[in-house]
Amino acid sequence: MNELKNRNFNGELLTYRQTAEKSNMGINTVMKLAKESGALVKIGKIF
């Protein structure tokens, strides 16, 4: 497996809406990119 090169230990967690506003993209596009890149972090339980 390849080693990560750009690891940011002080990264911030954003919601889909926050990311969409910050990047000026739609929520569906942000969700698609997050899923494809493996950047999803689930916190808590999903009911």
N, C-alpha and C. Protein backbone atom coordinates (compact mmCIF):
# COMPACT_ATOMS: atom_id res chain seq x y z
N MET A 1 0.85 -1.17 0.00
CA MET A 1 0.00 0.00 0.00
C MET A 1 0.89 1.24 0.00
N ASN A 2 0.46 2.27 -0.71
CA ASN A 2 1.22 3.51 -0.80
C ASN A 2 1.11 4.32 0.49
N GLU A 3 2.21 4.97 0.86
CA GLU A 3 2.22 5.79 2.05
C GLU A 3 1.61 7.16 1.74
N LEU A 4 0.86 7.69 2.70
CA LEU A 4 0.26 9.01 2.51
C LEU A 4 1.34 10.07 2.51
N LYS A 5 1.24 11.02 1.60
CA LYS A 5 2.24 12.07 1.50
C LYS A 5 1.78 13.37 2.13
N ASN A 6 0.49 13.66 2.07
CA ASN A 6 -0.03 14.94 2.55
C ASN A 6 -0.92 14.75 3.77
N ARG A 7 -0.39 14.14 4.79
CA ARG A 7 -1.19 13.90 6.00
C ARG A 7 -1.21 15.16 6.86
N ASN A 8 -2.39 15.64 7.17
CA ASN A 8 -2.56 16.83 7.98
C ASN A 8 -3.14 16.41 9.32
N PHE A 9 -2.33 16.46 10.37
CA PHE A 9 -2.78 16.02 11.69
C PHE A 9 -3.67 17.07 12.37
N ASN A 10 -3.66 18.29 11.86
CA ASN A 10 -4.49 19.35 12.43
C ASN A 10 -5.67 19.66 11.52
N GLY A 11 -6.14 18.68 10.78
CA GLY A 11 -7.24 18.87 9.85
C GLY A 11 -8.54 19.16 10.57
N GLU A 12 -9.46 19.74 9.86
CA GLU A 12 -10.76 20.03 10.43
C GLU A 12 -11.82 19.17 9.76
N LEU A 13 -12.83 18.82 10.52
CA LEU A 13 -13.94 18.04 9.99
C LEU A 13 -15.05 18.99 9.59
N LEU A 14 -15.58 18.79 8.40
CA LEU A 14 -16.64 19.65 7.90
C LEU A 14 -17.84 18.80 7.52
N THR A 15 -19.02 19.38 7.63
CA THR A 15 -20.22 18.72 7.15
C THR A 15 -20.29 18.90 5.64
N TYR A 16 -21.21 18.17 5.00
CA TYR A 16 -21.38 18.33 3.56
C TYR A 16 -21.74 19.77 3.22
N ARG A 17 -22.63 20.36 3.99
CA ARG A 17 -23.08 21.73 3.71
C ARG A 17 -21.93 22.72 3.85
N GLN A 18 -21.11 22.58 4.90
CA GLN A 18 -19.97 23.47 5.09
C GLN A 18 -18.98 23.35 3.94
N THR A 19 -18.72 22.12 3.52
CA THR A 19 -17.79 21.89 2.42
C THR A 19 -18.32 22.47 1.13
N ALA A 20 -19.60 22.30 0.87
CA ALA A 20 -20.21 22.84 -0.35
C ALA A 20 -20.11 24.36 -0.38
N GLU A 21 -20.37 25.00 0.75
CA GLU A 21 -20.29 26.46 0.81
C GLU A 21 -18.85 26.94 0.65
N LYS A 22 -17.91 26.24 1.28
CA LYS A 22 -16.50 26.63 1.22
C LYS A 22 -15.92 26.43 -0.18
N SER A 23 -16.34 25.39 -0.87
CA SER A 23 -15.77 25.07 -2.18
C SER A 23 -16.62 25.56 -3.35
N ASN A 24 -17.78 26.15 -3.05
CA ASN A 24 -18.69 26.65 -4.07
C ASN A 24 -19.13 25.54 -5.03
N MET A 25 -19.45 24.38 -4.47
CA MET A 25 -19.97 23.25 -5.23
C MET A 25 -21.31 22.84 -4.63
N GLY A 26 -22.03 22.00 -5.34
CA GLY A 26 -23.28 21.48 -4.83
C GLY A 26 -23.05 20.36 -3.83
N ILE A 27 -24.05 20.12 -2.99
CA ILE A 27 -23.92 19.09 -1.96
C ILE A 27 -23.76 17.71 -2.59
N ASN A 28 -24.50 17.42 -3.66
CA ASN A 28 -24.38 16.11 -4.30
C ASN A 28 -22.97 15.88 -4.85
N THR A 29 -22.36 16.92 -5.42
CA THR A 29 -21.00 16.81 -5.93
C THR A 29 -20.02 16.56 -4.78
N VAL A 30 -20.20 17.28 -3.68
CA VAL A 30 -19.34 17.10 -2.52
C VAL A 30 -19.47 15.68 -1.97
N MET A 31 -20.70 15.17 -1.88
CA MET A 31 -20.92 13.82 -1.38
C MET A 31 -20.24 12.79 -2.29
N LYS A 32 -20.36 12.98 -3.60
CA LYS A 32 -19.75 12.06 -4.56
C LYS A 32 -18.23 12.07 -4.43
N LEU A 33 -17.63 13.27 -4.36
CA LEU A 33 -16.18 13.37 -4.24
C LEU A 33 -15.67 12.78 -2.93
N ALA A 34 -16.40 13.02 -1.85
CA ALA A 34 -15.99 12.49 -0.55
C ALA A 34 -16.02 10.96 -0.55
N LYS A 35 -17.05 10.39 -1.15
CA LYS A 35 -17.16 8.94 -1.22
C LYS A 35 -16.05 8.34 -2.08
N GLU A 36 -15.80 8.95 -3.24
CA GLU A 36 -14.77 8.44 -4.15
C GLU A 36 -13.37 8.53 -3.55
N SER A 37 -13.11 9.59 -2.77
CA SER A 37 -11.77 9.78 -2.21
C SER A 37 -11.57 9.05 -0.89
N GLY A 38 -12.63 8.49 -0.33
CA GLY A 38 -12.52 7.79 0.95
C GLY A 38 -12.37 8.74 2.12
N ALA A 39 -12.92 9.93 2.00
CA ALA A 39 -12.76 10.95 3.02
C ALA A 39 -13.91 11.00 4.01
N LEU A 40 -14.77 9.99 4.02
CA LEU A 40 -15.91 10.00 4.93
C LEU A 40 -15.49 9.58 6.33
N VAL A 41 -15.94 10.34 7.32
CA VAL A 41 -15.72 10.01 8.72
C VAL A 41 -17.07 10.04 9.39
N LYS A 42 -17.51 8.90 9.89
CA LYS A 42 -18.81 8.83 10.54
C LYS A 42 -18.59 8.95 12.05
N ILE A 43 -19.32 9.88 12.65
CA ILE A 43 -19.21 10.11 14.09
C ILE A 43 -20.56 9.85 14.72
N GLY A 44 -20.58 9.01 15.72
CA GLY A 44 -21.83 8.71 16.41
C GLY A 44 -22.59 7.59 15.73
N LYS A 45 -23.82 7.39 16.20
CA LYS A 45 -24.67 6.33 15.66
C LYS A 45 -25.59 6.89 14.59
N ILE A 46 -25.93 6.06 13.65
CA ILE A 46 -26.90 6.41 12.63
C ILE A 46 -28.16 5.62 12.91
N PHE A 47 -29.26 6.30 13.13
CA PHE A 47 -30.51 5.64 13.48
C PHE A 47 -31.36 5.45 12.28
